[in-house]
Amino acid sequence: MLASVIILAATPIGNLGDASRRLVEALGNAEVIASEDTRTTIHLMRALGVENRPRLIPLHEHNETDKAAEIVELARDVDVLVLTDAGMPAISDPGFPLVAAAAAAGVTVTALPGPSAVLTALALSGLPTDRFTFEGFVPRKGRAQYFTALAREERTMVFFESPHRLAECLRDLASVVPGRRSVVCRELTKLHEEVARGTAAELAERFAEGARGEICLVVEGAVPATVDLASGIAQVAALVEQGFRLKEAAAEVAEATGLSKRELYEGSLRR
């Protein structure tokens, strides 16, 4: 007899046509489904023509830590299918505590791969895809400091953002890395899909009136620094002697070298 498993199943991020045959089969055969929103799961099953009536267990951000042990024990006797509202469980969605608990308990976890907003946005961005990092949702507060900490990251960065905060987020990004190529991917796989490219400042102006739908923001990584910090500070000093204001000089050197504007500015103040 085969051991029972926990199955992480990716669901469509927009277009129902992206539901895989394996997903439909899994929904049709499932005895137990743990899902982010059971109402969404019922709607998905109906839309896909699945008539199965499994046991549904809510598994969301507010209860996933408490529910993990219960689901792991359940999975010793029966396969448990795990779904989120869209995309792959555990990727900026409920699932990580459950997988960690299952691994610790020796319960097998497998996956039915499928749609991913992160990878779809990255592929459409036109930015380097060989090395990238997913940063999740941009924080609501302290965005300038947050982006400053990432300013020297050389990999392409993918973020999630609320449509209501998009313009403000882009303005904060522009204040830190003004010339960095950025891409806003909106409503991926849906009827009104949009991929907008430009600098952060250009995109902030484009979406100044707000945006609708699910948003992925893809940002170009930093150019590897070609000089060390001491040499960069010396370049800042030379620009200041030519009449540049210190902040402007630090920004110019940061853009040219990939060094941190903040470190150049603060280092110049201590010089």
C-alpha atoms as a PDB file:
ATOM      1  CA  MET A   1       0.000   0.000   0.000  1.00  0.00           C
ATOM      2  CA  LEU A   2       1.384   3.386  -0.991  1.00  0.00           C
ATOM      3  CA  ALA A   3       1.956   5.931   1.770  1.00  0.00           C
ATOM      4  CA  SER A   4      -0.299   8.967   1.833  1.00  0.00           C
ATOM      5  CA  VAL A   5       1.108  12.346   0.840  1.00  0.00           C
ATOM      6  CA  ILE A   6       0.471  16.060   0.982  1.00  0.00           C
ATOM      7  CA  ILE A   7      -0.001  17.471  -2.522  1.00  0.00           C
ATOM      8  CA  LEU A   8       0.648  21.152  -3.219  1.00  0.00           C
ATOM      9  CA  ALA A   9      -1.401  22.021  -6.299  1.00  0.00           C
ATOM     10  CA  ALA A  10      -0.964  25.176  -8.368  1.00  0.00           C
ATOM     11  CA  THR A  11      -4.228  26.782  -9.487  1.00  0.00           C
ATOM     12  CA  PRO A  12      -4.846  29.309 -12.293  1.00  0.00           C
ATOM     13  CA  ILE A  13      -3.785  32.884 -11.555  1.00  0.00           C
ATOM     14  CA  GLY A  14      -6.464  34.200 -13.882  1.00  0.00           C
ATOM     15  CA  ASN A  15      -7.337  32.191 -16.956  1.00  0.00           C
ATOM     16  CA  LEU A  16      -9.154  28.953 -16.067  1.00  0.00           C
ATOM     17  CA  GLY A  17      -7.746  27.422 -19.239  1.00  0.00           C
ATOM     18  CA  ASP A  18      -4.401  27.178 -17.422  1.00  0.00           C
ATOM     19  CA  ALA A  19      -5.744  24.492 -15.080  1.00  0.00           C
ATOM     20  CA  SER A  20      -3.739  21.359 -15.791  1.00  0.00           C
ATOM     21  CA  ARG A  21      -5.224  17.933 -16.454  1.00  0.00           C
ATOM     22  CA  ARG A  22      -3.455  16.703 -13.322  1.00  0.00           C
ATOM     23  CA  LEU A  23      -5.144  19.416 -11.252  1.00  0.00           C
ATOM     24  CA  VAL A  24      -8.591  18.487 -12.556  1.00  0.00           C
ATOM     25  CA  GLU A  25      -7.913  14.811 -11.846  1.00  0.00           C
ATOM     26  CA  ALA A  26      -6.639  15.599  -8.354  1.00  0.00           C
ATOM     27  CA  LEU A  27      -9.720  17.688  -7.575  1.00  0.00           C
ATOM     28  CA  GLY A  28     -11.940  14.885  -8.826  1.00  0.00           C
ATOM     29  CA  ASN A  29     -10.228  12.207  -6.726  1.00  0.00           C
ATOM     30  CA  ALA A  30      -9.470  14.173  -3.541  1.00  0.00           C
ATOM     31  CA  GLU A  31     -10.928  12.990  -0.250  1.00  0.00           C
ATOM     32  CA  VAL A  32      -9.523  15.948   1.691  1.00  0.00           C
ATOM     33  CA  ILE A  33      -8.642  19.437   0.451  1.00  0.00           C
ATOM     34  CA  ALA A  34      -6.972  22.076   2.626  1.00  0.00           C
ATOM     35  CA  SER A  35      -7.518  25.443   0.974  1.00  0.00           C
ATOM     36  CA  GLU A  36      -6.973  29.136   1.560  1.00  0.00           C
ATOM     37  CA  ASP A  37     -10.648  29.897   0.944  1.00  0.00           C
ATOM     38  CA  THR A  38     -13.049  26.961   0.732  1.00  0.00           C
ATOM     39  CA  ARG A  39     -15.560  29.109  -1.184  1.00  0.00           C
ATOM     40  CA  THR A  40     -12.953  29.792  -3.876  1.00  0.00           C
ATOM     41  CA  THR A  41     -12.199  26.069  -4.055  1.00  0.00           C
ATOM     42  CA  ILE A  42     -15.869  25.210  -4.529  1.00  0.00           C
ATOM     43  CA  HIS A  43     -16.141  27.860  -7.260  1.00  0.00           C
ATOM     44  CA  LEU A  44     -13.032  26.479  -9.001  1.00  0.00           C
ATOM     45  CA  MET A  45     -14.331  22.928  -8.925  1.00  0.00           C
ATOM     46  CA  ARG A  46     -17.677  23.982 -10.378  1.00  0.00           C
ATOM     47  CA  ALA A  47     -15.985  26.050 -13.089  1.00  0.00           C
ATOM     48  CA  LEU A  48     -13.858  23.044 -14.047  1.00  0.00           C
ATOM     49  CA  GLY A  49     -16.832  20.692 -14.063  1.00  0.00           C
ATOM     50  CA  VAL A  50     -15.605  18.678 -11.061  1.00  0.00           C
ATOM     51  CA  GLU A  51     -18.504  17.088  -9.154  1.00  0.00           C
ATOM     52  CA  ASN A  52     -16.500  15.591  -6.282  1.00  0.00           C
ATOM     53  CA  ARG A  53     -17.457  16.590  -2.728  1.00  0.00           C
ATOM     54  CA  PRO A  54     -14.328  16.205  -0.581  1.00  0.00           C
ATOM     55  CA  ARG A  55     -13.856  17.271   3.014  1.00  0.00           C
ATOM     56  CA  LEU A  56     -12.721  20.898   2.981  1.00  0.00           C
ATOM     57  CA  ILE A  57     -10.361  22.292   5.615  1.00  0.00           C
ATOM     58  CA  PRO A  58      -9.652  26.049   5.757  1.00  0.00           C
ATOM     59  CA  LEU A  59      -5.903  26.744   5.688  1.00  0.00           C
ATOM     60  CA  HIS A  60      -5.112  30.453   5.620  1.00  0.00           C
ATOM     61  CA  GLU A  61      -2.615  32.939   7.035  1.00  0.00           C
ATOM     62  CA  HIS A  62      -4.473  33.223  10.346  1.00  0.00           C
ATOM     63  CA  ASN A  63      -4.635  29.518  11.181  1.00  0.00           C
ATOM     64  CA  GLU A  64      -1.967  27.736   9.117  1.00  0.00           C
ATOM     65  CA  THR A  65       0.518  27.361  11.984  1.00  0.00           C
ATOM     66  CA  ASP A  66      -2.123  25.845  14.273  1.00  0.00           C
ATOM     67  CA  LYS A  67      -3.582  23.646  11.527  1.00  0.00           C
ATOM     68  CA  ALA A  68      -0.268  22.290  10.260  1.00  0.00           C
ATOM     69  CA  ALA A  69       0.107  19.509  12.833  1.00  0.00           C
ATOM     70  CA  GLU A  70      -3.509  18.383  12.367  1.00  0.00           C
ATOM     71  CA  ILE A  71      -3.156  18.179   8.581  1.00  0.00           C
ATOM     72  CA  VAL A  72       0.188  16.370   8.814  1.00  0.00           C
ATOM     73  CA  GLU A  73      -1.356  13.691  11.043  1.00  0.00           C
ATOM     74  CA  LEU A  74      -4.335  13.428   8.686  1.00  0.00           C
ATOM     75  CA  ALA A  75      -1.922  12.938   5.769  1.00  0.00           C
ATOM     76  CA  ARG A  76      -0.556   9.780   7.393  1.00  0.00           C
ATOM     77  CA  ASP A  77      -3.829   8.049   6.478  1.00  0.00           C
ATOM     78  CA  VAL A  78      -5.160   9.912   3.416  1.00  0.00           C
ATOM     79  CA  ASP A  79      -3.771  12.141   0.678  1.00  0.00           C
ATOM     80  CA  VAL A  80      -4.373  15.827   1.401  1.00  0.00           C
ATOM     81  CA  LEU A  81      -4.618  18.217  -1.550  1.00  0.00           C
ATOM     82  CA  VAL A  82      -3.485  21.761  -0.672  1.00  0.00           C
ATOM     83  CA  LEU A  83      -4.720  24.781  -2.662  1.00  0.00           C
ATOM     84  CA  THR A  84      -4.486  28.537  -2.422  1.00  0.00           C
ATOM     85  CA  ASP A  85      -6.714  31.036  -4.191  1.00  0.00           C
ATOM     86  CA  ALA A  86      -4.264  31.331  -7.103  1.00  0.00           C
ATOM     87  CA  GLY A  87      -0.788  30.093  -7.944  1.00  0.00           C
ATOM     88  CA  MET A  88       1.443  27.729  -5.987  1.00  0.00           C
ATOM     89  CA  PRO A  89       0.868  27.165  -2.257  1.00  0.00           C
ATOM     90  CA  ALA A  90       3.717  28.341   0.004  1.00  0.00           C
ATOM     91  CA  ILE A  91       4.877  31.014  -2.458  1.00  0.00           C
ATOM     92  CA  SER A  92       3.709  34.211  -0.732  1.00  0.00           C
ATOM     93  CA  ASP A  93       0.603  32.196   0.160  1.00  0.00           C
ATOM     94  CA  PRO A  94      -0.291  29.710   2.912  1.00  0.00           C
ATOM     95  CA  GLY A  95       1.656  26.464   2.848  1.00  0.00           C
ATOM     96  CA  PHE A  96       5.166  26.986   4.224  1.00  0.00           C
ATOM     97  CA  PRO A  97       4.419  26.039   7.880  1.00  0.00           C
ATOM     98  CA  LEU A  98       2.601  22.933   6.658  1.00  0.00           C
ATOM     99  CA  VAL A  99       5.477  21.812   4.437  1.00  0.00           C
ATOM    100  CA  ALA A 100       7.990  22.465   7.220  1.00  0.00           C
ATOM    101  CA  ALA A 101       5.890  20.459   9.681  1.00  0.00           C
ATOM    102  CA  ALA A 102       5.487  17.616   7.198  1.00  0.00           C
ATOM    103  CA  ALA A 103       9.221  17.490   6.525  1.00  0.00           C
ATOM    104  CA  ALA A 104       9.945  17.372  10.248  1.00  0.00           C
ATOM    105  CA  ALA A 105       7.401  14.574  10.731  1.00  0.00           C
ATOM    106  CA  GLY A 106       8.651  12.519   7.800  1.00  0.00           C
ATOM    107  CA  VAL A 107       5.446  12.921   5.791  1.00  0.00           C
ATOM    108  CA  THR A 108       5.974  13.105   2.032  1.00  0.00           C
ATOM    109  CA  VAL A 109       5.101  16.321   0.213  1.00  0.00           C
ATOM    110  CA  THR A 110       4.783  16.480  -3.573  1.00  0.00           C
ATOM    111  CA  ALA A 111       3.530  19.109  -6.009  1.00  0.00           C
ATOM    112  CA  LEU A 112       1.364  19.515  -9.065  1.00  0.00           C
ATOM    113  CA  PRO A 113       3.206  22.371 -10.812  1.00  0.00           C
ATOM    114  CA  GLY A 114       1.374  25.041 -12.707  1.00  0.00           C
ATOM    115  CA  PRO A 115       0.779  28.790 -13.007  1.00  0.00           C
ATOM    116  CA  SER A 116       3.021  31.179 -11.099  1.00  0.00           C
ATOM    117  CA  ALA A 117       2.658  34.955 -11.176  1.00  0.00           C
ATOM    118  CA  VAL A 118       6.311  35.328 -10.157  1.00  0.00           C
ATOM    119  CA  LEU A 119       7.736  33.326 -13.048  1.00  0.00           C
ATOM    120  CA  THR A 120       5.215  34.648 -15.550  1.00  0.00           C
ATOM    121  CA  ALA A 121       6.099  38.262 -14.703  1.00  0.00           C
ATOM    122  CA  LEU A 122       9.819  37.511 -14.789  1.00  0.00           C
ATOM    123  CA  ALA A 123       9.573  35.854 -18.198  1.00  0.00           C
ATOM    124  CA  LEU A 124       7.540  38.743 -19.655  1.00  0.00           C
ATOM    125  CA  SER A 125       9.681  41.502 -18.153  1.00  0.00           C
ATOM    126  CA  GLY A 126      12.502  41.474 -20.690  1.00  0.00           C
ATOM    127  CA  LEU A 127      14.967  41.742 -17.793  1.00  0.00           C
ATOM    128  CA  PRO A 128      17.676  39.141 -17.071  1.00  0.00           C
ATOM    129  CA  THR A 129      16.213  35.819 -15.969  1.00  0.00           C
ATOM    130  CA  ASP A 130      19.380  33.822 -15.272  1.00  0.00           C
ATOM    131  CA  ARG A 131      19.528  35.046 -11.655  1.00  0.00           C
ATOM    132  CA  PHE A 132      16.577  36.508  -9.790  1.00  0.00           C
ATOM    133  CA  THR A 133      15.102  36.933  -6.331  1.00  0.00           C
ATOM    134  CA  PHE A 134      11.471  37.015  -5.214  1.00  0.00           C
ATOM    135  CA  GLU A 135      10.918  39.574  -2.453  1.00  0.00           C
ATOM    136  CA  GLY A 136       7.215  39.063  -1.778  1.00  0.00           C
ATOM    137  CA  PHE A 137       4.981  42.035  -0.974  1.00  0.00           C
ATOM    138  CA  VAL A 138       6.621  45.458  -0.678  1.00  0.00           C
ATOM    139  CA  PRO A 139       6.190  46.703   2.921  1.00  0.00           C
ATOM    140  CA  ARG A 140       3.598  49.408   3.495  1.00  0.00           C
ATOM    141  CA  LYS A 141       5.942  51.550   5.585  1.00  0.00           C
ATOM    142  CA  GLY A 142       9.624  52.399   5.247  1.00  0.00           C
ATOM    143  CA  ARG A 143       9.733  51.668   1.525  1.00  0.00           C
ATOM    144  CA  ALA A 144      12.616  54.068   0.798  1.00  0.00           C
ATOM    145  CA  GLN A 145      14.782  52.364   3.423  1.00  0.00           C
ATOM    146  CA  TYR A 146      13.646  48.972   2.146  1.00  0.00           C
ATOM    147  CA  PHE A 147      14.647  49.765  -1.431  1.00  0.00           C
ATOM    148  CA  THR A 148      17.917  51.325  -0.240  1.00  0.00           C
ATOM    149  CA  ALA A 149      18.811  48.003   1.388  1.00  0.00           C
ATOM    150  CA  LEU A 150      18.190  46.279  -1.963  1.00  0.00           C
ATOM    151  CA  ALA A 151      19.896  48.911  -4.133  1.00  0.00           C
ATOM    152  CA  ARG A 152      23.059  46.843  -4.566  1.00  0.00           C
ATOM    153  CA  GLU A 153      21.252  43.567  -5.280  1.00  0.00           C
ATOM    154  CA  GLU A 154      22.585  42.423  -8.668  1.00  0.00           C
ATOM    155  CA  ARG A 155      19.848  39.898  -9.404  1.00  0.00           C
ATOM    156  CA  THR A 156      16.548  40.815 -11.060  1.00  0.00           C
ATOM    157  CA  MET A 157      13.977  41.382  -8.308  1.00  0.00           C
ATOM    158  CA  VAL A 158      10.300  40.434  -8.369  1.00  0.00           C
ATOM    159  CA  PHE A 159       7.786  41.981  -5.959  1.00  0.00           C
ATOM    160  CA  PHE A 160       4.054  41.873  -5.320  1.00  0.00           C
ATOM    161  CA  GLU A 161       2.281  45.187  -4.706  1.00  0.00           C
ATOM    162  CA  SER A 162      -1.238  46.431  -4.066  1.00  0.00           C
ATOM    163  CA  PRO A 163      -2.732  48.386  -6.997  1.00  0.00           C
ATOM    164  CA  HIS A 164      -3.704  51.151  -4.570  1.00  0.00           C
ATOM    165  CA  ARG A 165      -0.103  51.662  -3.424  1.00  0.00           C
ATOM    166  CA  LEU A 166       1.610  51.107  -6.774  1.00  0.00           C
ATOM    167  CA  ALA A 167       2.296  54.742  -7.712  1.00  0.00           C
ATOM    168  CA  GLU A 168       3.632  55.636  -4.270  1.00  0.00           C
ATOM    169  CA  CYS A 169       5.778  52.502  -4.274  1.00  0.00           C
ATOM    170  CA  LEU A 170       7.238  53.414  -7.666  1.00  0.00           C
ATOM    171  CA  ARG A 171       7.987  56.961  -6.515  1.00  0.00           C
ATOM    172  CA  ASP A 172       9.883  55.598  -3.509  1.00  0.00           C
ATOM    173  CA  LEU A 173      11.757  53.193  -5.784  1.00  0.00           C
ATOM    174  CA  ALA A 174      12.643  56.053  -8.140  1.00  0.00           C
ATOM    175  CA  SER A 175      14.029  58.099  -5.260  1.00  0.00           C
ATOM    176  CA  VAL A 176      16.548  55.329  -4.541  1.00  0.00           C
ATOM    177  CA  VAL A 177      17.406  53.960  -8.014  1.00  0.00           C
ATOM    178  CA  PRO A 178      16.111  56.588 -10.471  1.00  0.00           C
ATOM    179  CA  GLY A 179      17.419  55.085 -13.702  1.00  0.00           C
ATOM    180  CA  ARG A 180      16.784  51.423 -12.986  1.00  0.00           C
ATOM    181  CA  ARG A 181      14.662  49.572 -15.557  1.00  0.00           C
ATOM    182  CA  SER A 182      11.382  48.379 -14.076  1.00  0.00           C
ATOM    183  CA  VAL A 183       8.317  46.513 -15.312  1.00  0.00           C
ATOM    184  CA  VAL A 184       4.753  46.504 -13.998  1.00  0.00           C
ATOM    185  CA  CYS A 185       2.857  43.328 -14.880  1.00  0.00           C
ATOM    186  CA  ARG A 186      -0.865  43.667 -14.244  1.00  0.00           C
ATOM    187  CA  GLU A 187      -3.694  41.128 -14.451  1.00  0.00           C
ATOM    188  CA  LEU A 188      -1.478  38.358 -15.820  1.00  0.00           C
ATOM    189  CA  THR A 189      -3.272  35.758 -17.981  1.00  0.00           C
ATOM    190  CA  LYS A 190      -6.538  37.719 -17.705  1.00  0.00           C
ATOM    191  CA  LEU A 191      -8.483  39.643 -20.339  1.00  0.00           C
ATOM    192  CA  HIS A 192      -6.902  43.013 -19.484  1.00  0.00           C
ATOM    193  CA  GLU A 193      -3.318  41.793 -19.053  1.00  0.00           C
ATOM    194  CA  GLU A 194      -0.816  44.653 -19.227  1.00  0.00           C
ATOM    195  CA  VAL A 195       2.983  44.741 -19.219  1.00  0.00           C
ATOM    196  CA  ALA A 196       4.359  48.273 -18.791  1.00  0.00           C
ATOM    197  CA  ARG A 197       8.095  48.942 -19.034  1.00  0.00           C
ATOM    198  CA  GLY A 198      10.199  52.004 -18.180  1.00  0.00           C
ATOM    199  CA  THR A 199      12.109  53.568 -15.317  1.00  0.00           C
ATOM    200  CA  ALA A 200      10.452  53.644 -11.919  1.00  0.00           C
ATOM    201  CA  ALA A 201       9.823  57.379 -12.325  1.00  0.00           C
ATOM    202  CA  GLU A 202       8.195  56.892 -15.724  1.00  0.00           C
ATOM    203  CA  LEU A 203       5.985  54.112 -14.403  1.00  0.00           C
ATOM    204  CA  ALA A 204       5.037  56.162 -11.334  1.00  0.00           C
ATOM    205  CA  GLU A 205       3.735  58.855 -13.654  1.00  0.00           C
ATOM    206  CA  ARG A 206       1.954  56.309 -15.836  1.00  0.00           C
ATOM    207  CA  PHE A 207       0.094  54.835 -12.859  1.00  0.00           C
ATOM    208  CA  ALA A 208      -0.327  58.097 -10.935  1.00  0.00           C
ATOM    209  CA  GLU A 209      -4.111  57.713 -11.035  1.00  0.00           C
ATOM    210  CA  GLY A 210      -3.916  54.204  -9.664  1.00  0.00           C
ATOM    211  CA  ALA A 211      -4.221  50.739 -11.136  1.00  0.00           C
ATOM    212  CA  ARG A 212      -6.541  47.771 -10.968  1.00  0.00           C
ATOM    213  CA  GLY A 213      -5.998  44.090 -10.522  1.00  0.00           C
ATOM    214  CA  GLU A 214      -3.142  41.906  -9.329  1.00  0.00           C
ATOM    215  CA  ILE A 215       0.287  43.555  -9.632  1.00  0.00           C
ATOM    216  CA  CYS A 216       3.784  42.121 -10.056  1.00  0.00           C
ATOM    217  CA  LEU A 217       6.695  44.564 -10.114  1.00  0.00           C
ATOM    218  CA  VAL A 218       9.964  43.429 -11.700  1.00  0.00           C
ATOM    219  CA  VAL A 219      13.089  45.539 -11.139  1.00  0.00           C
ATOM    220  CA  GLU A 220      16.469  45.317 -12.825  1.00  0.00           C
ATOM    221  CA  GLY A 221      19.385  44.337 -10.622  1.00  0.00           C
ATOM    222  CA  ALA A 222      22.289  46.655  -9.896  1.00  0.00           C
ATOM    223  CA  VAL A 223      25.249  46.852 -12.240  1.00  0.00           C
ATOM    224  CA  PRO A 224      28.219  45.263 -10.423  1.00  0.00           C
ATOM    225  CA  ALA A 225      30.336  47.907  -8.781  1.00  0.00           C
ATOM    226  CA  THR A 226      33.371  48.763 -10.887  1.00  0.00           C
ATOM    227  CA  VAL A 227      35.159  50.747  -8.175  1.00  0.00           C
ATOM    228  CA  ASP A 228      35.463  50.431  -4.415  1.00  0.00           C
ATOM    229  CA  LEU A 229      33.703  52.770  -1.997  1.00  0.00           C
ATOM    230  CA  ALA A 230      36.783  54.891  -1.313  1.00  0.00           C
ATOM    231  CA  SER A 231      37.272  55.542  -5.021  1.00  0.00           C
ATOM    232  CA  GLY A 232      33.570  56.322  -5.350  1.00  0.00           C
ATOM    233  CA  ILE A 233      33.746  58.880  -2.548  1.00  0.00           C
ATOM    234  CA  ALA A 234      36.719  60.484  -4.285  1.00  0.00           C
ATOM    235  CA  GLN A 235      34.619  60.755  -7.481  1.00  0.00           C
ATOM    236  CA  VAL A 236      31.825  62.392  -5.478  1.00  0.00           C
ATOM    237  CA  ALA A 237      34.295  64.919  -4.078  1.00  0.00           C
ATOM    238  CA  ALA A 238      35.513  65.727  -7.593  1.00  0.00           C
ATOM    239  CA  LEU A 239      31.960  66.397  -8.766  1.00  0.00           C
ATOM    240  CA  VAL A 240      31.259  68.602  -5.752  1.00  0.00           C
ATOM    241  CA  GLU A 241      34.343  70.666  -6.634  1.00  0.00           C
ATOM    242  CA  GLN A 242      32.826  71.106 -10.103  1.00  0.00           C
ATOM    243  CA  GLY A 243      29.698  72.635  -8.582  1.00  0.00           C
ATOM    244  CA  PHE A 244      27.424  69.629  -8.009  1.00  0.00           C
ATOM    245  CA  ARG A 245      25.434  69.462  -4.798  1.00  0.00           C
ATOM    246  CA  LEU A 246      26.515  66.559  -2.611  1.00  0.00           C
ATOM    247  CA  LYS A 247      23.283  64.579  -3.046  1.00  0.00           C
ATOM    248  CA  GLU A 248      23.395  65.041  -6.809  1.00  0.00           C
ATOM    249  CA  ALA A 249      27.034  63.997  -6.948  1.00  0.00           C
ATOM    250  CA  ALA A 250      26.382  60.895  -4.852  1.00  0.00           C
ATOM    251  CA  ALA A 251      23.471  59.951  -7.117  1.00  0.00           C
ATOM    252  CA  GLU A 252      25.578  60.403 -10.270  1.00  0.00           C
ATOM    253  CA  VAL A 253      28.398  58.238  -8.959  1.00  0.00           C
ATOM    254  CA  ALA A 254      25.989  55.608  -7.633  1.00  0.00           C
ATOM    255  CA  GLU A 255      24.319  55.346 -11.032  1.00  0.00           C
ATOM    256  CA  ALA A 256      27.667  55.056 -12.827  1.00  0.00           C
ATOM    257  CA  THR A 257      29.325  52.561 -10.491  1.00  0.00           C
ATOM    258  CA  GLY A 258      26.580  50.549  -8.841  1.00  0.00           C
ATOM    259  CA  LEU A 259      27.727  51.712  -5.419  1.00  0.00           C
ATOM    260  CA  SER A 260      25.129  52.667  -2.805  1.00  0.00           C
ATOM    261  CA  LYS A 261      24.058  56.328  -3.030  1.00  0.00           C
ATOM    262  CA  ARG A 262      23.525  56.384   0.712  1.00  0.00           C
ATOM    263  CA  GLU A 263      27.002  55.015   1.473  1.00  0.00           C
ATOM    264  CA  LEU A 264      28.579  57.471  -0.958  1.00  0.00           C
ATOM    265  CA  TYR A 265      26.709  60.385   0.602  1.00  0.00           C
ATOM    266  CA  GLU A 266      27.423  59.439   4.202  1.00  0.00           C
ATOM    267  CA  GLY A 267      31.043  58.574   3.395  1.00  0.00           C
ATOM    268  CA  SER A 268      31.476  61.973   1.752  1.00  0.00           C
ATOM    269  CA  LEU A 269      30.105  63.724   4.837  1.00  0.00           C
ATOM    270  CA  ARG A 270      32.725  61.975   6.982  1.00  0.00           C
ATOM    271  CA  ARG A 271      35.544  62.731   4.549  1.00  0.00           C
END
